[in-house]
Amino acid sequence: VVKEIQIKVGVLMPLTGDSVSYGEKVKNAIDLAKDELSVDVVYEDSSCGSSDSVSSIRKLIDGDNVNVVIGQLCDIDTLTASQISKEIGIIVISSDSKTLDLVDTIIGKQFVKKYSEAYNSAPTVFAAEAYDALIAASEAGRESDGSRLSIIEAMKDVKFKGASGLVDFGESAVFVVWKDLKKTIFLNFLLN
């Protein structure tokens, strides 16, 4: 009998403030994905650039004991998350794509249709990336023993065609970015 490991994923995004519309679309996409996966999701508000982002990520990691963090739509929060993730040894999946055309792929079209039917609006690129990030976290969780270190190692082997394109983390296991899309990858070099 194969033991199904359920991981806990923390999602850090703007749920209040000027960027709330982006946060809502990301939350919707993660809710779509979580219905199909064996993951527990905990949401925290980053308010995009506020001093609350440090306490929010600390609450997810220390208080909620999440195995993986998804998030950060704002640059300052991404830098904060990356520094804390390196210090603690937890994987943070984040991206900064603004150029992706979601309907370029069959899977992208299916995601747009599913999202649009569920929420009566079109998803953003960030929503597609968050959807894929939860799938990636779930896959890494299935291939791990559930510990943060094991999930980091398992993430190196995660590769699939997702709503945002090819998701392939390869060897960048401290701070994960998608390789094939035009995204901000300077954080990889910052942490390595």
N, C-alpha and C. Protein backbone atom coordinates (compact mmCIF):
# COMPACT_ATOMS: atom_id res chain seq x y z
N VAL A 1 0.84 -1.18 0.00
CA VAL A 1 0.00 0.00 0.00
C VAL A 1 0.89 1.24 0.00
N VAL A 2 0.65 2.13 -0.96
CA VAL A 2 1.41 3.37 -1.05
C VAL A 2 0.77 4.40 -0.13
N LYS A 3 1.58 4.99 0.73
CA LYS A 3 1.09 6.00 1.65
C LYS A 3 0.97 7.34 0.92
N GLU A 4 -0.20 7.93 0.96
CA GLU A 4 -0.42 9.24 0.34
C GLU A 4 -0.05 10.31 1.35
N ILE A 5 0.97 11.09 1.03
CA ILE A 5 1.40 12.16 1.92
C ILE A 5 0.67 13.43 1.52
N GLN A 6 -0.03 14.02 2.47
CA GLN A 6 -0.71 15.27 2.20
C GLN A 6 0.15 16.39 2.73
N ILE A 7 0.56 17.26 1.83
CA ILE A 7 1.39 18.38 2.25
C ILE A 7 0.51 19.60 2.51
N LYS A 8 1.07 20.51 3.28
CA LYS A 8 0.38 21.76 3.57
C LYS A 8 1.11 22.87 2.82
N VAL A 9 0.36 23.60 2.01
CA VAL A 9 0.92 24.66 1.18
C VAL A 9 0.41 26.01 1.68
N GLY A 10 1.33 26.90 1.94
CA GLY A 10 0.98 28.26 2.32
C GLY A 10 0.97 29.14 1.09
N VAL A 11 -0.03 29.97 0.97
CA VAL A 11 -0.14 30.88 -0.17
C VAL A 11 -0.14 32.30 0.36
N LEU A 12 0.86 33.06 -0.08
CA LEU A 12 1.05 34.43 0.37
C LEU A 12 0.75 35.35 -0.79
N MET A 13 -0.30 36.16 -0.67
CA MET A 13 -0.70 37.04 -1.77
C MET A 13 -1.48 38.22 -1.23
N PRO A 14 -1.66 39.25 -2.06
CA PRO A 14 -2.43 40.40 -1.61
C PRO A 14 -3.93 40.07 -1.56
N LEU A 15 -4.48 40.05 -0.37
CA LEU A 15 -5.91 39.84 -0.20
C LEU A 15 -6.61 41.14 0.21
N THR A 16 -5.78 42.16 0.47
CA THR A 16 -6.29 43.51 0.76
C THR A 16 -5.37 44.49 0.04
N GLY A 17 -5.78 45.73 0.00
CA GLY A 17 -4.93 46.77 -0.59
C GLY A 17 -5.13 46.94 -2.08
N ASP A 18 -4.21 47.68 -2.70
CA ASP A 18 -4.34 48.04 -4.11
C ASP A 18 -4.26 46.86 -5.07
N SER A 19 -3.62 45.78 -4.67
CA SER A 19 -3.42 44.63 -5.58
C SER A 19 -4.37 43.47 -5.30
N VAL A 20 -5.44 43.74 -4.56
CA VAL A 20 -6.36 42.67 -4.17
C VAL A 20 -6.96 41.95 -5.38
N SER A 21 -7.19 42.65 -6.49
CA SER A 21 -7.80 41.98 -7.66
C SER A 21 -6.89 40.87 -8.19
N TYR A 22 -5.57 41.07 -8.13
CA TYR A 22 -4.63 40.02 -8.54
C TYR A 22 -4.68 38.85 -7.54
N GLY A 23 -4.70 39.18 -6.27
CA GLY A 23 -4.74 38.15 -5.24
C GLY A 23 -5.99 37.29 -5.32
N GLU A 24 -7.12 37.90 -5.61
CA GLU A 24 -8.37 37.15 -5.73
C GLU A 24 -8.31 36.15 -6.88
N LYS A 25 -7.73 36.56 -8.00
CA LYS A 25 -7.64 35.65 -9.16
C LYS A 25 -6.68 34.50 -8.87
N VAL A 26 -5.60 34.78 -8.17
CA VAL A 26 -4.66 33.73 -7.77
C VAL A 26 -5.35 32.76 -6.82
N LYS A 27 -6.08 33.28 -5.84
CA LYS A 27 -6.80 32.43 -4.89
C LYS A 27 -7.81 31.55 -5.62
N ASN A 28 -8.54 32.12 -6.56
CA ASN A 28 -9.50 31.34 -7.34
C ASN A 28 -8.82 30.19 -8.07
N ALA A 29 -7.69 30.47 -8.69
CA ALA A 29 -6.97 29.44 -9.45
C ALA A 29 -6.46 28.33 -8.52
N ILE A 30 -5.95 28.71 -7.37
CA ILE A 30 -5.47 27.71 -6.41
C ILE A 30 -6.64 26.88 -5.89
N ASP A 31 -7.78 27.52 -5.65
CA ASP A 31 -8.96 26.77 -5.23
C ASP A 31 -9.38 25.75 -6.29
N LEU A 32 -9.28 26.12 -7.58
CA LEU A 32 -9.59 25.17 -8.65
C LEU A 32 -8.66 23.97 -8.60
N ALA A 33 -7.37 24.23 -8.46
CA ALA A 33 -6.39 23.14 -8.45
C ALA A 33 -6.52 22.28 -7.20
N LYS A 34 -6.75 22.91 -6.06
CA LYS A 34 -6.79 22.16 -4.80
C LYS A 34 -7.94 21.17 -4.76
N ASP A 35 -9.00 21.44 -5.48
CA ASP A 35 -10.13 20.51 -5.53
C ASP A 35 -9.75 19.19 -6.18
N GLU A 36 -8.66 19.19 -6.96
CA GLU A 36 -8.23 17.98 -7.68
C GLU A 36 -7.02 17.31 -7.02
N LEU A 37 -6.46 17.90 -5.98
CA LEU A 37 -5.20 17.44 -5.42
C LEU A 37 -5.33 17.07 -3.95
N SER A 38 -4.35 16.35 -3.45
CA SER A 38 -4.30 15.99 -2.04
C SER A 38 -3.37 16.98 -1.32
N VAL A 39 -3.85 18.20 -1.16
CA VAL A 39 -3.08 19.24 -0.47
C VAL A 39 -4.00 20.02 0.44
N ASP A 40 -3.41 20.53 1.48
CA ASP A 40 -4.09 21.44 2.40
C ASP A 40 -3.52 22.82 2.11
N VAL A 41 -4.37 23.81 1.93
CA VAL A 41 -3.92 25.16 1.57
C VAL A 41 -4.30 26.15 2.67
N VAL A 42 -3.32 26.98 3.03
CA VAL A 42 -3.53 28.04 4.02
C VAL A 42 -3.18 29.36 3.34
N TYR A 43 -4.09 30.33 3.40
CA TYR A 43 -3.88 31.63 2.77
C TYR A 43 -3.46 32.67 3.80
N GLU A 44 -2.54 33.55 3.38
CA GLU A 44 -2.14 34.69 4.20
C GLU A 44 -2.05 35.92 3.31
N ASP A 45 -2.40 37.05 3.86
CA ASP A 45 -2.39 38.32 3.15
C ASP A 45 -1.01 38.96 3.24
N SER A 46 -0.45 39.33 2.09
CA SER A 46 0.83 40.04 2.08
C SER A 46 0.64 41.54 1.93
N SER A 47 -0.52 41.98 1.51
CA SER A 47 -0.85 43.38 1.29
C SER A 47 0.08 44.08 0.31
N CYS A 48 0.92 43.35 -0.37
CA CYS A 48 1.83 43.89 -1.39
C CYS A 48 2.68 45.05 -0.89
N GLY A 49 3.81 44.71 -0.32
CA GLY A 49 4.77 45.73 0.04
C GLY A 49 4.66 46.25 1.45
N SER A 50 3.74 45.74 2.21
CA SER A 50 3.62 46.23 3.58
C SER A 50 4.60 45.48 4.49
N SER A 51 4.77 46.00 5.68
CA SER A 51 5.63 45.33 6.65
C SER A 51 4.99 44.03 7.14
N ASP A 52 3.73 43.82 6.81
CA ASP A 52 3.03 42.61 7.23
C ASP A 52 3.53 41.36 6.50
N SER A 53 4.22 41.53 5.38
CA SER A 53 4.64 40.36 4.61
C SER A 53 5.61 39.48 5.39
N VAL A 54 6.47 40.07 6.21
CA VAL A 54 7.39 39.27 7.03
C VAL A 54 6.61 38.45 8.05
N SER A 55 5.70 39.09 8.76
CA SER A 55 4.92 38.34 9.76
C SER A 55 4.01 37.32 9.09
N SER A 56 3.53 37.61 7.89
CA SER A 56 2.66 36.67 7.18
C SER A 56 3.41 35.41 6.77
N ILE A 57 4.61 35.57 6.21
CA ILE A 57 5.35 34.37 5.80
C ILE A 57 5.84 33.61 7.04
N ARG A 58 6.21 34.31 8.09
CA ARG A 58 6.60 33.64 9.33
C ARG A 58 5.43 32.85 9.92
N LYS A 59 4.23 33.41 9.85
CA LYS A 59 3.05 32.71 10.36
C LYS A 59 2.81 31.43 9.57
N LEU A 60 2.93 31.52 8.24
CA LEU A 60 2.75 30.32 7.41
C LEU A 60 3.76 29.24 7.77
N ILE A 61 5.03 29.65 7.91
CA ILE A 61 6.10 28.68 8.14
C ILE A 61 6.11 28.18 9.58
N ASP A 62 6.11 29.10 10.54
CA ASP A 62 6.24 28.72 11.95
C ASP A 62 4.91 28.34 12.59
N GLY A 63 3.88 29.12 12.31
CA GLY A 63 2.58 28.88 12.95
C GLY A 63 1.77 27.79 12.27
N ASP A 64 1.66 27.87 10.95
CA ASP A 64 0.85 26.89 10.22
C ASP A 64 1.66 25.67 9.79
N ASN A 65 2.99 25.75 9.93
CA ASN A 65 3.89 24.64 9.61
C ASN A 65 3.69 24.11 8.19
N VAL A 66 3.68 25.03 7.22
CA VAL A 66 3.52 24.62 5.83
C VAL A 66 4.81 23.98 5.31
N ASN A 67 4.67 23.12 4.29
CA ASN A 67 5.81 22.46 3.66
C ASN A 67 6.37 23.27 2.49
N VAL A 68 5.51 24.06 1.85
CA VAL A 68 5.85 24.83 0.66
C VAL A 68 5.11 26.15 0.75
N VAL A 69 5.71 27.21 0.20
CA VAL A 69 5.04 28.50 0.11
C VAL A 69 4.91 28.87 -1.36
N ILE A 70 3.72 29.26 -1.75
CA ILE A 70 3.47 29.80 -3.10
C ILE A 70 3.15 31.26 -2.91
N GLY A 71 3.74 32.09 -3.75
CA GLY A 71 3.29 33.45 -3.67
C GLY A 71 4.28 34.51 -4.01
N GLN A 72 3.77 35.64 -3.78
CA GLN A 72 4.39 36.92 -3.97
C GLN A 72 4.19 37.43 -5.39
N LEU A 73 3.36 38.42 -5.46
CA LEU A 73 3.12 39.11 -6.72
C LEU A 73 3.86 40.44 -6.74
N CYS A 74 4.42 40.82 -5.60
CA CYS A 74 5.09 42.12 -5.48
C CYS A 74 6.57 41.90 -5.21
N ASP A 75 7.40 42.67 -5.88
CA ASP A 75 8.85 42.47 -5.80
C ASP A 75 9.40 42.51 -4.38
N ILE A 76 8.99 43.48 -3.58
CA ILE A 76 9.54 43.61 -2.24
C ILE A 76 9.17 42.40 -1.39
N ASP A 77 7.96 41.88 -1.57
CA ASP A 77 7.54 40.71 -0.82
C ASP A 77 8.29 39.47 -1.30
N THR A 78 8.59 39.41 -2.58
CA THR A 78 9.35 38.28 -3.13
C THR A 78 10.74 38.24 -2.53
N LEU A 79 11.39 39.38 -2.43
CA LEU A 79 12.73 39.43 -1.83
C LEU A 79 12.69 39.02 -0.37
N THR A 80 11.69 39.49 0.34
CA THR A 80 11.54 39.11 1.75
C THR A 80 11.35 37.60 1.88
N ALA A 81 10.46 37.05 1.07
CA ALA A 81 10.18 35.60 1.10
C ALA A 81 11.43 34.80 0.77
N SER A 82 12.19 35.28 -0.20
CA SER A 82 13.39 34.53 -0.61
C SER A 82 14.43 34.50 0.51
N GLN A 83 14.59 35.61 1.21
CA GLN A 83 15.55 35.65 2.31
C GLN A 83 15.12 34.72 3.45
N ILE A 84 13.86 34.75 3.78
CA ILE A 84 13.35 33.90 4.86
C ILE A 84 13.41 32.43 4.46
N SER A 85 13.08 32.13 3.19
CA SER A 85 13.09 30.73 2.74
C SER A 85 14.50 30.15 2.78
N LYS A 86 15.48 30.95 2.44
CA LYS A 86 16.86 30.46 2.48
C LYS A 86 17.29 30.20 3.92
N GLU A 87 16.92 31.10 4.80
CA GLU A 87 17.27 30.98 6.22
C GLU A 87 16.64 29.73 6.85
N ILE A 88 15.40 29.45 6.51
CA ILE A 88 14.66 28.36 7.14
C ILE A 88 14.80 27.05 6.39
N GLY A 89 15.01 27.10 5.08
CA GLY A 89 15.10 25.89 4.29
C GLY A 89 13.74 25.39 3.84
N ILE A 90 12.98 26.28 3.25
CA ILE A 90 11.67 25.92 2.71
C ILE A 90 11.60 26.43 1.28
N ILE A 91 10.89 25.71 0.44
CA ILE A 91 10.81 26.12 -0.94
C ILE A 91 9.71 27.16 -1.11
N VAL A 92 10.00 28.20 -1.88
CA VAL A 92 9.03 29.24 -2.22
C VAL A 92 8.92 29.25 -3.73
N ILE A 93 7.72 29.06 -4.22
CA ILE A 93 7.49 29.08 -5.66
C ILE A 93 6.88 30.44 -5.99
N SER A 94 7.58 31.17 -6.84
CA SER A 94 7.12 32.50 -7.20
C SER A 94 7.54 32.79 -8.63
N SER A 95 6.89 33.77 -9.23
CA SER A 95 7.24 34.15 -10.59
C SER A 95 6.84 35.58 -10.84
N ASP A 96 7.23 36.07 -11.98
CA ASP A 96 6.92 37.45 -12.34
C ASP A 96 6.75 37.54 -13.84
N SER A 97 5.85 36.78 -14.39
CA SER A 97 5.63 36.78 -15.83
C SER A 97 4.54 37.76 -16.17
N LYS A 98 4.79 38.55 -17.19
CA LYS A 98 3.77 39.50 -17.63
C LYS A 98 3.51 39.36 -19.13
N THR A 99 4.14 38.39 -19.77
CA THR A 99 4.06 38.32 -21.23
C THR A 99 3.40 37.06 -21.76
N LEU A 100 3.06 36.14 -20.90
CA LEU A 100 2.54 34.85 -21.33
C LEU A 100 1.13 34.98 -21.90
N ASP A 101 0.88 34.32 -23.03
CA ASP A 101 -0.45 34.25 -23.62
C ASP A 101 -1.04 32.90 -23.20
N LEU A 102 -2.01 32.93 -22.32
CA LEU A 102 -2.54 31.69 -21.75
C LEU A 102 -3.19 30.77 -22.77
N VAL A 103 -3.70 31.29 -23.86
CA VAL A 103 -4.41 30.42 -24.79
C VAL A 103 -3.50 29.83 -25.86
N ASP A 104 -2.19 29.93 -25.69
CA ASP A 104 -1.24 29.37 -26.64
C ASP A 104 -1.20 27.85 -26.63
N THR A 105 -1.58 27.23 -25.54
CA THR A 105 -1.48 25.79 -25.41
C THR A 105 -2.86 25.18 -25.17
N ILE A 106 -2.98 23.90 -25.45
CA ILE A 106 -4.24 23.20 -25.20
C ILE A 106 -4.56 23.23 -23.71
N ILE A 107 -3.56 22.96 -22.88
CA ILE A 107 -3.77 22.97 -21.44
C ILE A 107 -4.12 24.37 -20.97
N GLY A 108 -3.47 25.38 -21.55
CA GLY A 108 -3.80 26.77 -21.22
C GLY A 108 -5.24 27.10 -21.58
N LYS A 109 -5.69 26.64 -22.73
CA LYS A 109 -7.08 26.87 -23.14
C LYS A 109 -8.05 26.17 -22.21
N GLN A 110 -7.70 24.96 -21.79
CA GLN A 110 -8.57 24.23 -20.86
C GLN A 110 -8.65 24.95 -19.52
N PHE A 111 -7.52 25.47 -19.06
CA PHE A 111 -7.51 26.21 -17.80
C PHE A 111 -8.36 27.47 -17.90
N VAL A 112 -8.19 28.23 -18.98
CA VAL A 112 -8.96 29.46 -19.16
C VAL A 112 -10.46 29.15 -19.16
N LYS A 113 -10.83 28.08 -19.86
CA LYS A 113 -12.25 27.69 -19.93
C LYS A 113 -12.77 27.30 -18.54
N LYS A 114 -12.03 26.46 -17.85
CA LYS A 114 -12.43 25.99 -16.52
C LYS A 114 -12.54 27.17 -15.55
N TYR A 115 -11.55 28.05 -15.56
CA TYR A 115 -11.55 29.21 -14.67
C TYR A 115 -12.72 30.14 -15.01
N SER A 116 -12.89 30.42 -16.29
CA SER A 116 -13.95 31.34 -16.73
C SER A 116 -15.33 30.82 -16.37
N GLU A 117 -15.53 29.51 -16.52
CA GLU A 117 -16.82 28.92 -16.16
C GLU A 117 -17.05 28.97 -14.65
N ALA A 118 -16.01 28.77 -13.87
CA ALA A 118 -16.15 28.74 -12.42
C ALA A 118 -16.34 30.14 -11.82
N TYR A 119 -15.67 31.15 -12.40
CA TYR A 119 -15.65 32.47 -11.77
C TYR A 119 -16.22 33.58 -12.65
N ASN A 120 -16.69 33.23 -13.83
CA ASN A 120 -17.33 34.20 -14.72
C ASN A 120 -16.43 35.39 -15.06
N SER A 121 -15.14 35.11 -15.12
CA SER A 121 -14.16 36.12 -15.53
C SER A 121 -12.92 35.40 -16.04
N ALA A 122 -12.09 36.12 -16.76
CA ALA A 122 -10.87 35.52 -17.31
C ALA A 122 -9.76 35.51 -16.25
N PRO A 123 -8.93 34.47 -16.25
CA PRO A 123 -7.82 34.43 -15.30
C PRO A 123 -6.67 35.32 -15.76
N THR A 124 -5.80 35.67 -14.84
CA THR A 124 -4.58 36.39 -15.17
C THR A 124 -3.45 35.37 -15.37
N VAL A 125 -2.33 35.85 -15.87
CA VAL A 125 -1.14 35.01 -15.97
C VAL A 125 -0.73 34.51 -14.59
N PHE A 126 -0.82 35.39 -13.60
CA PHE A 126 -0.47 35.01 -12.23
C PHE A 126 -1.35 33.87 -11.74
N ALA A 127 -2.62 33.89 -12.13
CA ALA A 127 -3.53 32.81 -11.73
C ALA A 127 -3.10 31.48 -12.33
N ALA A 128 -2.73 31.48 -13.60
CA ALA A 128 -2.26 30.24 -14.26
C ALA A 128 -1.00 29.72 -13.59
N GLU A 129 -0.09 30.62 -13.26
CA GLU A 129 1.16 30.21 -12.60
C GLU A 129 0.89 29.66 -11.21
N ALA A 130 -0.04 30.25 -10.49
CA ALA A 130 -0.39 29.75 -9.15
C ALA A 130 -1.03 28.37 -9.25
N TYR A 131 -1.89 28.19 -10.24
CA TYR A 131 -2.53 26.89 -10.49
C TYR A 131 -1.45 25.82 -10.70
N ASP A 132 -0.50 26.14 -11.58
CA ASP A 132 0.60 25.21 -11.85
C ASP A 132 1.49 25.01 -10.63
N ALA A 133 1.70 26.07 -9.86
CA ALA A 133 2.55 25.96 -8.67
C ALA A 133 1.96 24.98 -7.66
N LEU A 134 0.64 25.01 -7.49
CA LEU A 134 0.03 24.07 -6.55
C LEU A 134 0.14 22.64 -7.06
N ILE A 135 -0.01 22.46 -8.36
CA ILE A 135 0.16 21.12 -8.94
C ILE A 135 1.60 20.65 -8.73
N ALA A 136 2.56 21.53 -8.95
CA ALA A 136 3.97 21.18 -8.77
C ALA A 136 4.25 20.81 -7.31
N ALA A 137 3.72 21.60 -6.39
CA ALA A 137 3.92 21.31 -4.96
C ALA A 137 3.32 19.96 -4.60
N SER A 138 2.16 19.67 -5.15
CA SER A 138 1.50 18.39 -4.88
C SER A 138 2.32 17.22 -5.42
N GLU A 139 2.84 17.38 -6.65
CA GLU A 139 3.68 16.33 -7.24
C GLU A 139 4.94 16.10 -6.42
N ALA A 140 5.59 17.18 -6.01
CA ALA A 140 6.80 17.04 -5.19
C ALA A 140 6.46 16.39 -3.86
N GLY A 141 5.32 16.75 -3.29
CA GLY A 141 4.89 16.15 -2.04
C GLY A 141 4.67 14.65 -2.15
N ARG A 142 4.10 14.22 -3.27
CA ARG A 142 3.87 12.78 -3.50
C ARG A 142 5.17 12.01 -3.62
N GLU A 143 6.21 12.67 -4.13
CA GLU A 143 7.50 12.00 -4.34
C GLU A 143 8.45 12.17 -3.16
N SER A 144 7.97 12.78 -2.09
CA SER A 144 8.83 13.06 -0.94
C SER A 144 8.35 12.29 0.29
N ASP A 145 9.10 12.49 1.39
CA ASP A 145 8.64 11.92 2.66
C ASP A 145 7.83 12.94 3.45
N GLY A 146 7.57 14.10 2.83
CA GLY A 146 6.77 15.14 3.47
C GLY A 146 7.58 16.21 4.17
N SER A 147 8.87 15.97 4.37
CA SER A 147 9.69 16.99 5.02
C SER A 147 10.03 18.09 4.02
N ARG A 148 10.35 19.26 4.52
CA ARG A 148 10.67 20.39 3.65
C ARG A 148 11.88 20.08 2.77
N LEU A 149 12.92 19.48 3.35
CA LEU A 149 14.12 19.15 2.58
C LEU A 149 13.81 18.14 1.48
N SER A 150 13.02 17.14 1.81
CA SER A 150 12.65 16.13 0.83
C SER A 150 11.82 16.73 -0.30
N ILE A 151 10.96 17.67 0.02
CA ILE A 151 10.15 18.34 -1.02
C ILE A 151 11.05 19.17 -1.92
N ILE A 152 12.05 19.85 -1.34
CA ILE A 152 12.99 20.62 -2.16
C ILE A 152 13.69 19.69 -3.14
N GLU A 153 14.15 18.54 -2.67
CA GLU A 153 14.82 17.57 -3.55
C GLU A 153 13.88 17.03 -4.62
N ALA A 154 12.65 16.70 -4.23
CA ALA A 154 11.68 16.16 -5.18
C ALA A 154 11.28 17.18 -6.23
N MET A 155 11.30 18.47 -5.87
CA MET A 155 10.91 19.53 -6.81
C MET A 155 11.83 19.56 -8.02
N LYS A 156 13.08 19.13 -7.84
CA LYS A 156 14.03 19.12 -8.95
C LYS A 156 13.57 18.23 -10.10
N ASP A 157 12.76 17.23 -9.78
CA ASP A 157 12.29 16.29 -10.80
C ASP A 157 10.89 16.60 -11.33
N VAL A 158 10.26 17.62 -10.82
CA VAL A 158 8.92 17.97 -11.28
C VAL A 158 9.00 18.59 -12.67
N LYS A 159 8.24 18.01 -13.57
CA LYS A 159 8.21 18.52 -14.94
C LYS A 159 6.88 18.12 -15.56
N PHE A 160 6.13 19.10 -16.04
CA PHE A 160 4.85 18.81 -16.69
C PHE A 160 4.42 20.01 -17.53
N LYS A 161 3.48 19.76 -18.42
CA LYS A 161 2.88 20.83 -19.20
C LYS A 161 1.69 21.34 -18.41
N GLY A 162 1.77 22.62 -18.06
CA GLY A 162 0.72 23.21 -17.25
C GLY A 162 0.01 24.33 -17.97
N ALA A 163 -0.85 25.01 -17.24
CA ALA A 163 -1.63 26.12 -17.80
C ALA A 163 -0.73 27.26 -18.25
N SER A 164 0.43 27.41 -17.61
CA SER A 164 1.34 28.51 -17.95
C SER A 164 2.48 28.07 -18.86
N GLY A 165 2.44 26.84 -19.34
CA GLY A 165 3.49 26.34 -20.23
C GLY A 165 4.22 25.18 -19.57
N LEU A 166 5.42 24.90 -20.05
CA LEU A 166 6.21 23.81 -19.49
C LEU A 166 6.73 24.21 -18.12
N VAL A 167 6.41 23.41 -17.13
CA VAL A 167 6.89 23.64 -15.76
C VAL A 167 8.03 22.66 -15.54
N ASP A 168 9.22 23.19 -15.36
CA ASP A 168 10.43 22.38 -15.21
C ASP A 168 11.37 23.10 -14.27
N PHE A 169 11.48 22.61 -13.06
CA PHE A 169 12.28 23.29 -12.06
C PHE A 169 13.75 22.94 -12.11
N GLY A 170 14.08 21.76 -12.59
CA GLY A 170 15.48 21.38 -12.71
C GLY A 170 16.23 21.47 -11.40
N GLU A 171 17.42 22.00 -11.45
CA GLU A 171 18.30 22.02 -10.28
C GLU A 171 18.13 23.25 -9.39
N SER A 172 17.28 24.20 -9.78
CA SER A 172 17.14 25.42 -8.97
C SER A 172 16.16 25.16 -7.84
N ALA A 173 16.65 24.62 -6.75
CA ALA A 173 15.77 24.13 -5.70
C ALA A 173 15.69 25.00 -4.46
N VAL A 174 16.38 26.10 -4.40
CA VAL A 174 16.25 26.97 -3.24
C VAL A 174 15.10 27.94 -3.47
N PHE A 175 15.12 28.59 -4.60
CA PHE A 175 14.02 29.47 -4.97
C PHE A 175 13.64 29.08 -6.38
N VAL A 176 12.44 28.63 -6.58
CA VAL A 176 12.06 27.99 -7.84
C VAL A 176 11.45 28.99 -8.80
N VAL A 177 11.87 28.89 -10.05
CA VAL A 177 11.25 29.67 -11.11
C VAL A 177 11.00 28.74 -12.28
N TRP A 178 10.08 29.12 -13.12
CA TRP A 178 9.86 28.37 -14.35
C TRP A 178 10.99 28.71 -15.30
N LYS A 179 11.53 27.70 -15.98
CA LYS A 179 12.70 27.91 -16.83
C LYS A 179 12.35 28.43 -18.22
N ASP A 180 11.25 27.96 -18.78
CA ASP A 180 11.02 28.23 -20.20
C ASP A 180 10.25 29.51 -20.47
N LEU A 181 9.80 30.20 -19.45
CA LEU A 181 9.03 31.41 -19.65
C LEU A 181 9.89 32.62 -19.31
N LYS A 182 9.51 33.76 -19.81
CA LYS A 182 10.26 34.97 -19.54
C LYS A 182 9.86 35.50 -18.18
N LYS A 183 10.60 35.12 -17.19
CA LYS A 183 10.29 35.48 -15.82
C LYS A 183 11.52 36.06 -15.15
N THR A 184 11.31 36.64 -14.00
CA THR A 184 12.41 37.18 -13.23
C THR A 184 13.17 36.03 -12.60
N ILE A 185 14.39 35.79 -13.05
CA ILE A 185 15.16 34.68 -12.52
C ILE A 185 16.36 35.16 -11.69
N PHE A 186 16.46 36.45 -11.47
CA PHE A 186 17.62 36.94 -10.72
C PHE A 186 17.63 36.39 -9.30
N LEU A 187 16.50 35.97 -8.77
CA LEU A 187 16.47 35.44 -7.42
C LEU A 187 17.24 34.14 -7.31
N ASN A 188 17.27 33.36 -8.40
CA ASN A 188 18.07 32.14 -8.40
C ASN A 188 19.52 32.46 -8.07
N PHE A 189 20.05 33.47 -8.73
CA PHE A 189 21.44 33.82 -8.55
C PHE A 189 21.67 34.50 -7.20
N LEU A 190 20.70 35.20 -6.72
CA LEU A 190 20.79 35.85 -5.43
C LEU A 190 20.95 34.82 -4.31
N LEU A 191 20.28 33.69 -4.44
CA LEU A 191 20.28 32.71 -3.37
C LEU A 191 21.33 31.62 -3.51
N ASN A 192 21.86 31.42 -4.69
CA ASN A 192 22.83 30.33 -4.88
C ASN A 192 24.24 30.78 -4.56
